[in-house]
C-alpha atoms as a PDB file:
ATOM      1  CA  MET A   1      13.760   0.035  16.991  1.00  0.00           C
ATOM      2  CA  VAL A   2      13.427   1.901  13.663  1.00  0.00           C
ATOM      3  CA  ASN A   3      15.852   1.799  10.803  1.00  0.00           C
ATOM      4  CA  VAL A   4      14.881   4.794   8.703  1.00  0.00           C
ATOM      5  CA  SER A   5      17.240   3.970   5.801  1.00  0.00           C
ATOM      6  CA  ALA A   6      15.907   0.448   5.122  1.00  0.00           C
ATOM      7  CA  GLY A   7      12.424   0.739   6.625  1.00  0.00           C
ATOM      8  CA  VAL A   8      12.833  -2.788   8.059  1.00  0.00           C
ATOM      9  CA  THR A   9      14.710  -3.821  11.186  1.00  0.00           C
ATOM     10  CA  LYS A  10      15.611  -7.276  12.346  1.00  0.00           C
ATOM     11  CA  SER A  11      13.518  -6.978  15.500  1.00  0.00           C
ATOM     12  CA  MET A  12      10.461  -5.937  13.445  1.00  0.00           C
ATOM     13  CA  ALA A  13      10.896  -8.781  11.016  1.00  0.00           C
ATOM     14  CA  THR A  14      11.305 -11.462  13.684  1.00  0.00           C
ATOM     15  CA  ARG A  15       8.447 -10.460  15.962  1.00  0.00           C
ATOM     16  CA  SER A  16       5.601 -12.959  16.153  1.00  0.00           C
ATOM     17  CA  PRO A  17       2.156 -11.840  15.000  1.00  0.00           C
ATOM     18  CA  ARG A  18       1.031 -11.624  18.596  1.00  0.00           C
ATOM     19  CA  GLU A  19       3.796  -9.161  19.345  1.00  0.00           C
ATOM     20  CA  ARG A  20       2.679  -6.851  16.549  1.00  0.00           C
ATOM     21  CA  SER A  21      -0.439  -5.396  18.167  1.00  0.00           C
ATOM     22  CA  ALA A  22       0.159  -1.800  17.053  1.00  0.00           C
ATOM     23  CA  LEU A  23       0.225  -0.609  13.442  1.00  0.00           C
ATOM     24  CA  ALA A  24       3.581   1.106  14.000  1.00  0.00           C
ATOM     25  CA  ASP A  25       5.029  -2.303  14.958  1.00  0.00           C
ATOM     26  CA  LEU A  26       4.767  -3.334  11.275  1.00  0.00           C
ATOM     27  CA  PRO A  27       7.820  -2.892   9.033  1.00  0.00           C
ATOM     28  CA  ASN A  28       7.645   0.400   7.131  1.00  0.00           C
ATOM     29  CA  VAL A  29       4.767   1.762   9.191  1.00  0.00           C
ATOM     30  CA  GLY A  30       5.515   4.867  11.140  1.00  0.00           C
ATOM     31  CA  ARG A  31       3.246   7.494  12.643  1.00  0.00           C
ATOM     32  CA  ALA A  32       2.059   8.966   9.332  1.00  0.00           C
ATOM     33  CA  ILE A  33       1.125   5.673   7.669  1.00  0.00           C
ATOM     34  CA  ALA A  34      -0.459   4.443  10.939  1.00  0.00           C
ATOM     35  CA  ALA A  35      -2.587   7.632  10.863  1.00  0.00           C
ATOM     36  CA  ASP A  36      -3.518   7.019   7.271  1.00  0.00           C
ATOM     37  CA  LEU A  37      -4.616   3.447   8.179  1.00  0.00           C
ATOM     38  CA  ARG A  38      -6.591   4.637  11.150  1.00  0.00           C
ATOM     39  CA  ALA A  39      -8.354   7.109   8.862  1.00  0.00           C
ATOM     40  CA  LEU A  40      -9.539   4.004   6.996  1.00  0.00           C
ATOM     41  CA  GLY A  41     -10.793   2.386  10.221  1.00  0.00           C
ATOM     42  CA  ILE A  42      -7.848   0.042  10.541  1.00  0.00           C
ATOM     43  CA  ARG A  43      -6.618  -0.026  14.137  1.00  0.00           C
ATOM     44  CA  ARG A  44      -4.729  -3.314  14.348  1.00  0.00           C
ATOM     45  CA  PRO A  45      -2.307  -5.128  12.026  1.00  0.00           C
ATOM     46  CA  SER A  46      -4.653  -8.124  11.984  1.00  0.00           C
ATOM     47  CA  GLN A  47      -7.291  -5.909  10.141  1.00  0.00           C
ATOM     48  CA  LEU A  48      -4.893  -5.748   7.148  1.00  0.00           C
ATOM     49  CA  LYS A  49      -4.952  -9.479   6.593  1.00  0.00           C
ATOM     50  CA  GLY A  50      -6.342 -10.367   3.197  1.00  0.00           C
ATOM     51  CA  ARG A  51      -7.019  -6.663   2.297  1.00  0.00           C
ATOM     52  CA  ASN A  52      -6.405  -5.193  -1.144  1.00  0.00           C
ATOM     53  CA  PRO A  53      -3.695  -2.527  -0.756  1.00  0.00           C
ATOM     54  CA  TYR A  54      -4.730  -0.867  -4.020  1.00  0.00           C
ATOM     55  CA  ALA A  55      -8.325  -0.461  -2.807  1.00  0.00           C
ATOM     56  CA  LEU A  56      -7.076   0.839   0.541  1.00  0.00           C
ATOM     57  CA  TYR A  57      -4.988   3.480  -1.289  1.00  0.00           C
ATOM     58  CA  GLN A  58      -7.888   4.538  -3.484  1.00  0.00           C
ATOM     59  CA  ARG A  59     -10.145   4.776  -0.412  1.00  0.00           C
ATOM     60  CA  LEU A  60      -7.542   6.837   1.425  1.00  0.00           C
ATOM     61  CA  ASN A  61      -7.488   9.294  -1.480  1.00  0.00           C
ATOM     62  CA  ARG A  62     -11.312   9.525  -1.436  1.00  0.00           C
ATOM     63  CA  VAL A  63     -11.557   9.858   2.339  1.00  0.00           C
ATOM     64  CA  THR A  64      -8.988  12.590   2.554  1.00  0.00           C
ATOM     65  CA  GLY A  65      -9.754  14.358  -0.719  1.00  0.00           C
ATOM     66  CA  THR A  66      -6.080  14.206  -1.570  1.00  0.00           C
ATOM     67  CA  ARG A  67      -4.081  12.159  -4.031  1.00  0.00           C
ATOM     68  CA  HIS A  68      -1.398  10.751  -1.823  1.00  0.00           C
ATOM     69  CA  ASP A  69       2.108   9.961  -3.078  1.00  0.00           C
ATOM     70  CA  PRO A  70       2.280   6.580  -4.716  1.00  0.00           C
ATOM     71  CA  CYS A  71       4.921   5.551  -2.168  1.00  0.00           C
ATOM     72  CA  VAL A  72       1.988   5.352   0.317  1.00  0.00           C
ATOM     73  CA  LEU A  73       0.563   2.594  -1.881  1.00  0.00           C
ATOM     74  CA  ASP A  74       3.943   0.835  -1.915  1.00  0.00           C
ATOM     75  CA  THR A  75       3.893   0.966   1.887  1.00  0.00           C
ATOM     76  CA  PHE A  76       0.333  -0.401   2.014  1.00  0.00           C
ATOM     77  CA  ILE A  77       1.437  -3.299  -0.251  1.00  0.00           C
ATOM     78  CA  ALA A  78       4.466  -4.032   1.985  1.00  0.00           C
ATOM     79  CA  ALA A  79       2.295  -3.973   5.131  1.00  0.00           C
ATOM     80  CA  VAL A  80      -0.497  -6.159   3.708  1.00  0.00           C
ATOM     81  CA  ARG A  81       1.939  -8.699   2.282  1.00  0.00           C
ATOM     82  CA  PHE A  82       3.814  -8.878   5.610  1.00  0.00           C
ATOM     83  CA  VAL A  83       0.606  -9.412   7.656  1.00  0.00           C
ATOM     84  CA  ASP A  84      -0.432 -12.031   5.082  1.00  0.00           C
ATOM     85  CA  GLY A  85       2.773 -13.972   5.937  1.00  0.00           C
ATOM     86  CA  GLY A  86       5.248 -12.556   3.442  1.00  0.00           C
ATOM     87  CA  PRO A  87       8.786 -11.492   4.317  1.00  0.00           C
ATOM     88  CA  ALA A  88       9.580  -8.036   5.763  1.00  0.00           C
ATOM     89  CA  LYS A  89      10.731  -6.009   2.799  1.00  0.00           C
ATOM     90  CA  PRO A  90      11.343  -2.248   2.430  1.00  0.00           C
ATOM     91  CA  TRP A  91       8.365  -0.419   0.824  1.00  0.00           C
ATOM     92  CA  TRP A  92      10.342   0.411  -2.310  1.00  0.00           C
ATOM     93  CA  ALA A  93      10.698  -3.300  -3.085  1.00  0.00           C
ATOM     94  CA  TYR A  94       7.085  -3.010  -4.259  1.00  0.00           C
ATOM     95  CA  THR A  95       7.469   0.028  -6.514  1.00  0.00           C
ATOM     96  CA  THR A  96       7.978  -1.939  -9.748  1.00  0.00           C
ATOM     97  CA  GLU A  97       4.979  -4.124  -9.009  1.00  0.00           C
ATOM     98  CA  ARG A  98       2.793  -1.072  -8.251  1.00  0.00           C
ATOM     99  CA  LYS A  99       3.863   0.623 -11.517  1.00  0.00           C
ATOM    100  CA  ARG A 100       3.095  -2.516 -13.512  1.00  0.00           C
ATOM    101  CA  VAL A 101      -0.368  -3.084 -11.890  1.00  0.00           C
ATOM    102  CA  VAL A 102      -1.416   0.557 -12.179  1.00  0.00           C
ATOM    103  CA  ALA A 103      -0.302   0.722 -15.844  1.00  0.00           C
ATOM    104  CA  ALA A 104      -2.228  -2.518 -16.609  1.00  0.00           C
ATOM    105  CA  ARG A 105      -5.327  -1.218 -14.890  1.00  0.00           C
ATOM    106  CA  ALA A 106      -5.101   2.045 -16.793  1.00  0.00           C
ATOM    107  CA  ARG A 107      -4.921   0.149 -20.125  1.00  0.00           C
ATOM    108  CA  THR A 108      -8.015  -1.935 -19.271  1.00  0.00           C
ATOM    109  CA  SER A 109     -10.193   0.713 -17.675  1.00  0.00           C
ATOM    110  CA  PRO A 110     -13.329   1.784 -19.516  1.00  0.00           C
ATOM    111  CA  LEU A 111     -12.120   5.354 -19.541  1.00  0.00           C
ATOM    112  CA  ALA A 112      -8.862   4.339 -21.249  1.00  0.00           C
ATOM    113  CA  ARG A 113     -10.790   2.316 -23.902  1.00  0.00           C
ATOM    114  CA  ARG A 114     -13.125   5.303 -24.606  1.00  0.00           C
ATOM    115  CA  SER A 115     -10.225   7.700 -25.096  1.00  0.00           C
ATOM    116  CA  THR A 116      -8.477   5.247 -27.428  1.00  0.00           C
ATOM    117  CA  LYS A 117     -11.728   4.929 -29.523  1.00  0.00           C
ATOM    118  CA  ALA A 118     -12.066   8.679 -29.694  1.00  0.00           C
ATOM    119  CA  ARG A 119      -8.462   9.108 -30.911  1.00  0.00           C
ATOM    120  CA  ARG A 120      -9.072   6.493 -33.636  1.00  0.00           C
ATOM    121  CA  ARG A 121     -12.155   8.291 -34.877  1.00  0.00           C
ATOM    122  CA  SER A 122     -10.437  11.667 -35.006  1.00  0.00           C
ATOM    123  CA  SER A 123      -7.540  10.236 -37.073  1.00  0.00           C
END
């Protein structure tokens, strides 16, 4: 049962971990996201437990040579959180978190610090 508008259905949310043996059984995970996860070597939902969704997204971009839409990252966050025991939420419930984390990482990256120093020197 798939509810395209919400990304989460009651039957998905109430299945026990043993019943979720396929990636597409996870809330928000359809054929395309399941294929992305398989490209990363993830075949079962249990392989997402404890994983860093941000690292998975960066690795997907490297493996495919494509910068994927950030909504893919939101979906990875939703899937990992669900497998780790969190509630089933639609992927867009994680958009604000993703934007906050990515912005914070950009501010603290060595590249961001170098460009800030260069701007100060040129002023």
